[in-house]
Amino acid sequence: MDATTGIPPGVTEETEPFWAAAKEGRLVVERCSSCGAESFPPRGMCRCCRARAMVPVEITSRGHVYSLTVNYQRWLPDLEVPYAIVLVEFPDHPGVRVAGRLRGCPPEEAAIGMAVEIGFEPGPGGFAIPSFVAAVPARGDAAPPGDTPDPHDPKPPRPGGPA
């Protein structure tokens, strides 16, 4: 899929640090200098304490897929389908979730809890667009909470859940 298909993002005073970092291949979120809460997308104001002292913080760790959708609809003429859009959360950055396209595996293999690496790809208007790359689990990586069934739990696994 070619991520250059689409509408270029609107850059505002609040989002400019994000797009500048993306151009350098870095994913940044906002951190409040007053209370320490982190948030995305950038708003220029803390979602917790409403302070306006926000600073960019880079995310460098792997994330895990929190939610996903596989799109089969061709919304634009040059859009290749199917493709997966994932919402990724980062253990080192509680409360932060970032959406992007999943690469590195067929869309049908996308799964909640899947480990992903941060990536970028050329987007519309020459912008670098965040995307995520399916990661092979590293030794010692644990599954996210709730993804490993308890062998002592008498309830059967839910349909579509862990076996």
N, C-alpha and C. Protein backbone atom coordinates (compact mmCIF):
# COMPACT_ATOMS: atom_id res chain seq x y z
N MET A 1 0.85 -1.18 0.00
CA MET A 1 0.00 0.00 0.00
C MET A 1 0.89 1.24 0.00
N ASP A 2 0.50 2.22 -0.72
CA ASP A 2 1.24 3.46 -0.83
C ASP A 2 0.57 4.50 0.06
N ALA A 3 1.29 4.95 1.10
CA ALA A 3 0.71 5.90 2.06
C ALA A 3 0.66 7.32 1.52
N THR A 4 1.17 7.56 0.31
CA THR A 4 1.12 8.92 -0.24
C THR A 4 -0.28 9.26 -0.76
N THR A 5 -1.15 8.25 -0.85
CA THR A 5 -2.52 8.48 -1.26
C THR A 5 -3.29 9.10 -0.09
N GLY A 6 -3.96 10.20 -0.34
CA GLY A 6 -4.77 10.80 0.72
C GLY A 6 -4.59 12.30 0.80
N ILE A 7 -5.03 12.85 1.90
CA ILE A 7 -5.01 14.29 2.13
C ILE A 7 -3.88 14.61 3.10
N PRO A 8 -3.04 15.61 2.79
CA PRO A 8 -1.97 15.97 3.72
C PRO A 8 -2.54 16.46 5.05
N PRO A 9 -1.83 16.18 6.15
CA PRO A 9 -2.32 16.64 7.45
C PRO A 9 -2.25 18.16 7.57
N GLY A 10 -3.12 18.71 8.39
CA GLY A 10 -3.08 20.14 8.70
C GLY A 10 -2.08 20.36 9.83
N VAL A 11 -1.14 21.26 9.65
CA VAL A 11 -0.14 21.53 10.68
C VAL A 11 -0.55 22.79 11.43
N THR A 12 -0.61 22.66 12.76
CA THR A 12 -0.95 23.80 13.62
C THR A 12 0.21 24.06 14.56
N GLU A 13 0.10 25.09 15.35
CA GLU A 13 1.12 25.40 16.35
C GLU A 13 1.31 24.22 17.31
N GLU A 14 0.22 23.55 17.66
CA GLU A 14 0.28 22.42 18.58
C GLU A 14 0.89 21.18 17.94
N THR A 15 0.64 20.96 16.64
CA THR A 15 1.10 19.73 15.99
C THR A 15 2.45 19.86 15.30
N GLU A 16 2.98 21.06 15.15
CA GLU A 16 4.23 21.26 14.42
C GLU A 16 5.39 20.45 15.01
N PRO A 17 5.59 20.40 16.36
CA PRO A 17 6.69 19.58 16.89
C PRO A 17 6.54 18.10 16.52
N PHE A 18 5.30 17.60 16.48
CA PHE A 18 5.06 16.21 16.10
C PHE A 18 5.50 15.96 14.66
N TRP A 19 5.08 16.83 13.72
CA TRP A 19 5.40 16.62 12.31
C TRP A 19 6.89 16.84 12.03
N ALA A 20 7.53 17.76 12.76
CA ALA A 20 8.97 17.97 12.60
C ALA A 20 9.73 16.72 13.06
N ALA A 21 9.32 16.13 14.18
CA ALA A 21 9.97 14.91 14.67
C ALA A 21 9.71 13.74 13.72
N ALA A 22 8.47 13.65 13.20
CA ALA A 22 8.13 12.57 12.26
C ALA A 22 9.02 12.63 11.03
N LYS A 23 9.31 13.85 10.56
CA LYS A 23 10.19 14.01 9.40
C LYS A 23 11.58 13.44 9.67
N GLU A 24 11.99 13.44 10.95
CA GLU A 24 13.28 12.88 11.37
C GLU A 24 13.17 11.40 11.74
N GLY A 25 11.97 10.82 11.60
CA GLY A 25 11.78 9.42 11.94
C GLY A 25 11.60 9.17 13.43
N ARG A 26 11.11 10.17 14.16
CA ARG A 26 10.90 10.04 15.60
C ARG A 26 9.43 10.24 15.93
N LEU A 27 8.89 9.41 16.82
CA LEU A 27 7.51 9.53 17.27
C LEU A 27 7.53 10.26 18.61
N VAL A 28 6.88 11.43 18.65
CA VAL A 28 6.82 12.18 19.91
C VAL A 28 5.37 12.38 20.33
N VAL A 29 5.20 12.44 21.65
CA VAL A 29 3.91 12.76 22.27
C VAL A 29 4.15 13.94 23.19
N GLU A 30 3.08 14.49 23.72
CA GLU A 30 3.22 15.61 24.65
C GLU A 30 3.27 15.11 26.09
N ARG A 31 4.13 15.74 26.89
CA ARG A 31 4.18 15.49 28.33
C ARG A 31 3.96 16.82 29.03
N CYS A 32 3.11 16.79 30.03
CA CYS A 32 2.81 17.98 30.81
C CYS A 32 3.93 18.23 31.80
N SER A 33 4.50 19.43 31.78
CA SER A 33 5.55 19.78 32.72
C SER A 33 5.01 19.96 34.14
N SER A 34 3.71 20.16 34.28
CA SER A 34 3.12 20.36 35.61
C SER A 34 2.80 19.05 36.31
N CYS A 35 2.09 18.13 35.62
CA CYS A 35 1.66 16.90 36.30
C CYS A 35 2.31 15.63 35.74
N GLY A 36 2.99 15.72 34.60
CA GLY A 36 3.68 14.57 34.03
C GLY A 36 2.84 13.69 33.14
N ALA A 37 1.55 13.99 32.98
CA ALA A 37 0.69 13.18 32.11
C ALA A 37 1.14 13.33 30.66
N GLU A 38 1.05 12.22 29.91
CA GLU A 38 1.39 12.23 28.49
C GLU A 38 0.12 12.06 27.67
N SER A 39 0.12 12.64 26.48
CA SER A 39 -1.06 12.52 25.63
C SER A 39 -0.71 12.60 24.16
N PHE A 40 -1.62 12.07 23.36
CA PHE A 40 -1.55 12.11 21.92
C PHE A 40 -2.99 12.04 21.42
N PRO A 41 -3.36 12.77 20.41
CA PRO A 41 -2.57 13.68 19.59
C PRO A 41 -2.25 14.96 20.33
N PRO A 42 -1.28 15.72 19.80
CA PRO A 42 -0.88 16.97 20.47
C PRO A 42 -2.03 17.97 20.50
N ARG A 43 -2.20 18.60 21.66
CA ARG A 43 -3.28 19.58 21.84
C ARG A 43 -2.78 20.91 22.37
N GLY A 44 -1.56 20.90 22.92
CA GLY A 44 -1.04 22.13 23.51
C GLY A 44 -1.57 22.39 24.90
N MET A 45 -2.35 21.43 25.43
CA MET A 45 -2.92 21.57 26.77
C MET A 45 -3.03 20.17 27.39
N CYS A 46 -2.73 20.06 28.66
CA CYS A 46 -2.78 18.78 29.36
C CYS A 46 -4.22 18.30 29.49
N ARG A 47 -4.45 17.04 29.17
CA ARG A 47 -5.79 16.47 29.27
C ARG A 47 -6.18 16.19 30.73
N CYS A 48 -5.16 16.18 31.63
CA CYS A 48 -5.44 15.89 33.05
C CYS A 48 -5.61 17.15 33.89
N CYS A 49 -4.63 18.06 33.83
CA CYS A 49 -4.67 19.23 34.72
C CYS A 49 -4.92 20.54 33.98
N ARG A 50 -5.03 20.50 32.67
CA ARG A 50 -5.32 21.65 31.81
C ARG A 50 -4.18 22.68 31.73
N ALA A 51 -2.99 22.31 32.23
CA ALA A 51 -1.84 23.21 32.10
C ALA A 51 -1.44 23.31 30.63
N ARG A 52 -0.76 24.38 30.30
CA ARG A 52 -0.31 24.58 28.91
C ARG A 52 1.19 24.42 28.77
N ALA A 53 1.84 23.88 29.77
CA ALA A 53 3.29 23.68 29.74
C ALA A 53 3.59 22.28 29.20
N MET A 54 3.45 22.11 27.89
CA MET A 54 3.65 20.80 27.27
C MET A 54 5.00 20.74 26.57
N VAL A 55 5.67 19.59 26.71
CA VAL A 55 6.96 19.38 26.04
C VAL A 55 6.89 18.06 25.26
N PRO A 56 7.58 18.00 24.11
CA PRO A 56 7.57 16.74 23.36
C PRO A 56 8.48 15.71 24.02
N VAL A 57 8.03 14.46 24.01
CA VAL A 57 8.78 13.32 24.56
C VAL A 57 8.78 12.24 23.49
N GLU A 58 9.95 11.69 23.21
CA GLU A 58 10.06 10.67 22.17
C GLU A 58 9.71 9.28 22.72
N ILE A 59 8.96 8.53 21.93
CA ILE A 59 8.68 7.12 22.24
C ILE A 59 9.65 6.29 21.43
N THR A 60 10.40 5.44 22.12
CA THR A 60 11.38 4.59 21.43
C THR A 60 11.11 3.10 21.64
N SER A 61 10.19 2.79 22.54
CA SER A 61 9.94 1.38 22.87
C SER A 61 8.93 0.75 21.92
N ARG A 62 8.90 -0.58 21.93
CA ARG A 62 7.87 -1.30 21.21
C ARG A 62 6.51 -0.99 21.80
N GLY A 63 5.51 -1.13 20.97
CA GLY A 63 4.15 -0.99 21.45
C GLY A 63 3.40 -2.29 21.23
N HIS A 64 2.15 -2.32 21.69
CA HIS A 64 1.28 -3.48 21.48
C HIS A 64 -0.03 -2.98 20.90
N VAL A 65 -0.59 -3.76 20.00
CA VAL A 65 -1.86 -3.41 19.37
C VAL A 65 -2.95 -3.47 20.43
N TYR A 66 -3.63 -2.35 20.62
CA TYR A 66 -4.73 -2.24 21.56
C TYR A 66 -6.05 -2.56 20.85
N SER A 67 -6.18 -2.08 19.61
CA SER A 67 -7.38 -2.30 18.82
C SER A 67 -6.99 -2.24 17.35
N LEU A 68 -7.84 -2.75 16.48
CA LEU A 68 -7.52 -2.74 15.06
C LEU A 68 -8.76 -2.86 14.21
N THR A 69 -8.59 -2.51 12.95
CA THR A 69 -9.62 -2.75 11.95
C THR A 69 -8.91 -3.10 10.65
N VAL A 70 -9.50 -3.99 9.89
CA VAL A 70 -8.98 -4.31 8.56
C VAL A 70 -9.96 -3.70 7.57
N ASN A 71 -9.45 -2.80 6.75
CA ASN A 71 -10.27 -2.09 5.78
C ASN A 71 -10.26 -2.80 4.44
N TYR A 72 -11.44 -3.07 3.92
CA TYR A 72 -11.59 -3.68 2.60
C TYR A 72 -12.19 -2.69 1.61
N GLN A 73 -12.63 -1.53 2.10
CA GLN A 73 -13.25 -0.51 1.27
C GLN A 73 -12.17 0.36 0.60
N ARG A 74 -12.27 0.54 -0.70
CA ARG A 74 -11.35 1.41 -1.45
C ARG A 74 -11.90 2.82 -1.38
N TRP A 75 -11.46 3.61 -0.38
CA TRP A 75 -11.98 4.95 -0.15
C TRP A 75 -11.48 5.94 -1.19
N LEU A 76 -10.31 5.70 -1.77
CA LEU A 76 -9.75 6.55 -2.81
C LEU A 76 -9.34 5.65 -3.98
N PRO A 77 -9.35 6.16 -5.20
CA PRO A 77 -9.08 5.31 -6.37
C PRO A 77 -7.74 4.58 -6.33
N ASP A 78 -6.69 5.19 -5.78
CA ASP A 78 -5.37 4.56 -5.78
C ASP A 78 -5.08 3.77 -4.50
N LEU A 79 -6.06 3.61 -3.65
CA LEU A 79 -5.85 2.94 -2.37
C LEU A 79 -5.88 1.43 -2.54
N GLU A 80 -4.81 0.78 -2.12
CA GLU A 80 -4.76 -0.69 -2.18
C GLU A 80 -5.45 -1.26 -0.95
N VAL A 81 -6.29 -2.25 -1.16
CA VAL A 81 -6.99 -2.92 -0.07
C VAL A 81 -6.72 -4.42 -0.14
N PRO A 82 -6.82 -5.15 0.95
CA PRO A 82 -7.11 -4.69 2.30
C PRO A 82 -5.85 -4.14 2.99
N TYR A 83 -6.08 -3.39 4.06
CA TYR A 83 -4.99 -2.91 4.90
C TYR A 83 -5.50 -2.81 6.33
N ALA A 84 -4.58 -2.94 7.29
CA ALA A 84 -4.94 -2.88 8.70
C ALA A 84 -4.53 -1.55 9.30
N ILE A 85 -5.44 -0.97 10.05
CA ILE A 85 -5.15 0.22 10.85
C ILE A 85 -5.18 -0.25 12.30
N VAL A 86 -4.12 0.07 13.04
CA VAL A 86 -4.01 -0.37 14.42
C VAL A 86 -3.94 0.83 15.36
N LEU A 87 -4.44 0.64 16.56
CA LEU A 87 -4.30 1.60 17.65
C LEU A 87 -3.31 0.97 18.61
N VAL A 88 -2.17 1.64 18.81
CA VAL A 88 -1.06 1.05 19.56
C VAL A 88 -0.87 1.78 20.88
N GLU A 89 -0.68 1.00 21.94
CA GLU A 89 -0.34 1.58 23.24
C GLU A 89 1.08 1.16 23.60
N PHE A 90 1.70 1.97 24.46
CA PHE A 90 3.11 1.78 24.80
C PHE A 90 3.25 1.62 26.31
N PRO A 91 3.79 0.49 26.77
CA PRO A 91 3.89 0.23 28.21
C PRO A 91 4.63 1.33 28.98
N ASP A 92 5.63 1.95 28.36
CA ASP A 92 6.40 3.00 29.04
C ASP A 92 5.71 4.36 29.01
N HIS A 93 4.57 4.44 28.34
CA HIS A 93 3.85 5.72 28.20
C HIS A 93 2.36 5.49 28.44
N PRO A 94 1.97 5.28 29.71
CA PRO A 94 0.57 4.97 30.01
C PRO A 94 -0.38 6.07 29.53
N GLY A 95 -1.49 5.64 28.97
CA GLY A 95 -2.50 6.58 28.50
C GLY A 95 -2.30 7.05 27.08
N VAL A 96 -1.16 6.72 26.46
CA VAL A 96 -0.88 7.15 25.10
C VAL A 96 -1.24 6.03 24.14
N ARG A 97 -2.04 6.37 23.15
CA ARG A 97 -2.37 5.43 22.07
C ARG A 97 -2.26 6.19 20.76
N VAL A 98 -1.61 5.55 19.78
CA VAL A 98 -1.36 6.17 18.49
C VAL A 98 -1.89 5.24 17.40
N ALA A 99 -2.60 5.80 16.45
CA ALA A 99 -3.14 5.02 15.33
C ALA A 99 -2.19 5.10 14.14
N GLY A 100 -2.14 4.02 13.37
CA GLY A 100 -1.35 4.00 12.15
C GLY A 100 -1.58 2.71 11.39
N ARG A 101 -1.04 2.67 10.18
CA ARG A 101 -1.16 1.48 9.34
C ARG A 101 -0.20 0.41 9.84
N LEU A 102 -0.61 -0.85 9.77
CA LEU A 102 0.26 -1.97 10.14
C LEU A 102 0.93 -2.51 8.89
N ARG A 103 2.24 -2.66 8.97
CA ARG A 103 3.03 -3.24 7.88
C ARG A 103 3.77 -4.46 8.41
N GLY A 104 4.34 -5.24 7.51
CA GLY A 104 5.18 -6.36 7.93
C GLY A 104 4.46 -7.67 8.12
N CYS A 105 3.16 -7.70 7.86
CA CYS A 105 2.40 -8.95 7.90
C CYS A 105 1.11 -8.74 7.13
N PRO A 106 0.50 -9.81 6.66
CA PRO A 106 -0.79 -9.66 5.97
C PRO A 106 -1.82 -9.05 6.93
N PRO A 107 -2.70 -8.19 6.44
CA PRO A 107 -3.69 -7.55 7.32
C PRO A 107 -4.50 -8.54 8.14
N GLU A 108 -4.79 -9.70 7.57
CA GLU A 108 -5.60 -10.70 8.26
C GLU A 108 -4.87 -11.30 9.46
N GLU A 109 -3.55 -11.11 9.56
CA GLU A 109 -2.78 -11.65 10.68
C GLU A 109 -2.65 -10.64 11.83
N ALA A 110 -3.16 -9.45 11.65
CA ALA A 110 -3.13 -8.45 12.72
C ALA A 110 -3.92 -8.98 13.91
N ALA A 111 -3.42 -8.74 15.12
CA ALA A 111 -4.09 -9.26 16.30
C ALA A 111 -3.89 -8.32 17.49
N ILE A 112 -4.90 -8.26 18.33
CA ILE A 112 -4.78 -7.48 19.56
C ILE A 112 -3.68 -8.12 20.41
N GLY A 113 -2.82 -7.27 20.96
CA GLY A 113 -1.70 -7.75 21.76
C GLY A 113 -0.42 -7.93 20.97
N MET A 114 -0.51 -7.90 19.64
CA MET A 114 0.66 -8.08 18.78
C MET A 114 1.70 -6.99 19.06
N ALA A 115 2.97 -7.39 19.18
CA ALA A 115 4.05 -6.43 19.38
C ALA A 115 4.36 -5.75 18.05
N VAL A 116 4.59 -4.44 18.12
CA VAL A 116 4.90 -3.67 16.92
C VAL A 116 6.04 -2.70 17.21
N GLU A 117 6.79 -2.41 16.16
CA GLU A 117 7.84 -1.40 16.20
C GLU A 117 7.30 -0.13 15.55
N ILE A 118 7.83 1.00 15.96
CA ILE A 118 7.45 2.28 15.37
C ILE A 118 8.12 2.42 14.02
N GLY A 119 7.39 2.88 13.04
CA GLY A 119 7.94 3.12 11.72
C GLY A 119 7.30 4.36 11.12
N PHE A 120 7.83 4.78 10.01
CA PHE A 120 7.27 5.92 9.28
C PHE A 120 7.31 5.57 7.81
N GLU A 121 6.43 6.20 7.05
CA GLU A 121 6.42 6.03 5.61
C GLU A 121 6.06 7.34 4.95
N PRO A 122 6.48 7.53 3.71
CA PRO A 122 6.14 8.78 3.02
C PRO A 122 4.63 8.91 2.89
N GLY A 123 4.14 10.09 3.20
CA GLY A 123 2.70 10.32 3.15
C GLY A 123 2.36 11.44 2.20
N PRO A 124 1.08 11.79 2.13
CA PRO A 124 0.65 12.85 1.23
C PRO A 124 1.32 14.18 1.59
N GLY A 125 1.64 14.96 0.57
CA GLY A 125 2.25 16.26 0.78
C GLY A 125 3.69 16.21 1.26
N GLY A 126 4.33 15.04 1.16
CA GLY A 126 5.71 14.90 1.60
C GLY A 126 5.87 14.71 3.10
N PHE A 127 4.78 14.52 3.83
CA PHE A 127 4.85 14.30 5.27
C PHE A 127 5.26 12.86 5.57
N ALA A 128 5.97 12.66 6.67
CA ALA A 128 6.27 11.32 7.17
C ALA A 128 5.10 10.91 8.06
N ILE A 129 4.47 9.80 7.72
CA ILE A 129 3.28 9.34 8.43
C ILE A 129 3.65 8.17 9.33
N PRO A 130 3.27 8.22 10.62
CA PRO A 130 3.56 7.10 11.51
C PRO A 130 2.85 5.83 11.04
N SER A 131 3.56 4.74 11.12
CA SER A 131 2.98 3.43 10.85
C SER A 131 3.65 2.47 11.82
N PHE A 132 3.20 1.25 11.83
CA PHE A 132 3.76 0.28 12.76
C PHE A 132 4.12 -0.99 12.00
N VAL A 133 5.20 -1.63 12.43
CA VAL A 133 5.71 -2.82 11.77
C VAL A 133 5.58 -3.99 12.73
N ALA A 134 4.94 -5.06 12.27
CA ALA A 134 4.80 -6.26 13.10
C ALA A 134 6.18 -6.72 13.55
N ALA A 135 6.32 -6.95 14.85
CA ALA A 135 7.61 -7.32 15.43
C ALA A 135 7.62 -8.80 15.80
N VAL A 136 8.75 -9.41 15.59
CA VAL A 136 8.95 -10.77 16.07
C VAL A 136 9.25 -10.63 17.56
N PRO A 137 8.53 -11.34 18.43
CA PRO A 137 8.77 -11.18 19.86
C PRO A 137 10.23 -11.46 20.23
N ALA A 138 10.80 -10.55 21.00
CA ALA A 138 12.16 -10.74 21.49
C ALA A 138 12.11 -11.66 22.70
N ARG A 139 13.21 -12.33 22.97
CA ARG A 139 13.26 -13.19 24.15
C ARG A 139 12.99 -12.34 25.38
N GLY A 140 12.17 -12.85 26.24
CA GLY A 140 11.85 -12.14 27.46
C GLY A 140 10.64 -11.24 27.33
N ASP A 141 10.15 -11.01 26.08
CA ASP A 141 8.94 -10.20 25.93
C ASP A 141 7.77 -11.01 26.44
N ALA A 142 7.01 -10.41 27.30
CA ALA A 142 5.82 -11.07 27.82
C ALA A 142 4.60 -10.62 27.03
N ALA A 143 3.61 -11.47 26.98
CA ALA A 143 2.36 -11.08 26.35
C ALA A 143 1.69 -10.01 27.21
N PRO A 144 0.94 -9.09 26.61
CA PRO A 144 0.24 -8.09 27.39
C PRO A 144 -0.73 -8.74 28.36
N PRO A 145 -1.05 -8.06 29.48
CA PRO A 145 -1.97 -8.65 30.46
C PRO A 145 -3.27 -9.08 29.79
N GLY A 146 -3.78 -10.23 30.20
CA GLY A 146 -5.04 -10.72 29.68
C GLY A 146 -4.90 -11.56 28.42
N ASP A 147 -3.71 -11.63 27.82
CA ASP A 147 -3.54 -12.39 26.59
C ASP A 147 -3.13 -13.84 26.84
N THR A 148 -2.76 -14.17 28.05
CA THR A 148 -2.34 -15.52 28.36
C THR A 148 -3.41 -16.15 29.25
N PRO A 149 -4.06 -17.23 28.78
CA PRO A 149 -5.11 -17.83 29.59
C PRO A 149 -4.55 -18.44 30.86
N ASP A 150 -5.32 -18.37 31.92
CA ASP A 150 -4.95 -18.98 33.19
C ASP A 150 -5.32 -20.45 33.13
N PRO A 151 -4.34 -21.37 33.27
CA PRO A 151 -4.67 -22.80 33.15
C PRO A 151 -5.58 -23.28 34.27
N HIS A 152 -5.72 -22.51 35.35
CA HIS A 152 -6.57 -22.90 36.48
C HIS A 152 -7.95 -22.27 36.40
N ASP A 153 -8.22 -21.49 35.36
CA ASP A 153 -9.51 -20.83 35.19
C ASP A 153 -10.49 -21.82 34.60
N PRO A 154 -11.61 -22.10 35.31
CA PRO A 154 -12.57 -23.10 34.81
C PRO A 154 -13.39 -22.61 33.61
N LYS A 155 -13.40 -21.30 33.35
CA LYS A 155 -14.20 -20.79 32.23
C LYS A 155 -13.51 -21.13 30.91
N PRO A 156 -14.27 -21.53 29.90
CA PRO A 156 -13.66 -21.77 28.59
C PRO A 156 -13.23 -20.45 27.97
N PRO A 157 -12.23 -20.48 27.07
CA PRO A 157 -11.81 -19.24 26.40
C PRO A 157 -12.95 -18.65 25.59
N ARG A 158 -12.99 -17.32 25.50
CA ARG A 158 -14.04 -16.66 24.72
C ARG A 158 -13.74 -16.85 23.23
N PRO A 159 -14.78 -16.86 22.39
CA PRO A 159 -14.57 -17.02 20.95
C PRO A 159 -13.68 -15.89 20.42
N GLY A 160 -12.71 -16.24 19.62
CA GLY A 160 -11.79 -15.28 19.05
C GLY A 160 -10.72 -14.84 20.01
N GLY A 161 -10.76 -15.30 21.24
CA GLY A 161 -9.76 -14.93 22.25
C GLY A 161 -8.63 -15.94 22.27
N PRO A 162 -7.73 -15.83 23.24
CA PRO A 162 -6.61 -16.76 23.32
C PRO A 162 -7.11 -18.18 23.51
N ALA A 163 -6.43 -19.13 22.90
CA ALA A 163 -6.83 -20.53 23.01
C ALA A 163 -6.27 -21.15 24.27
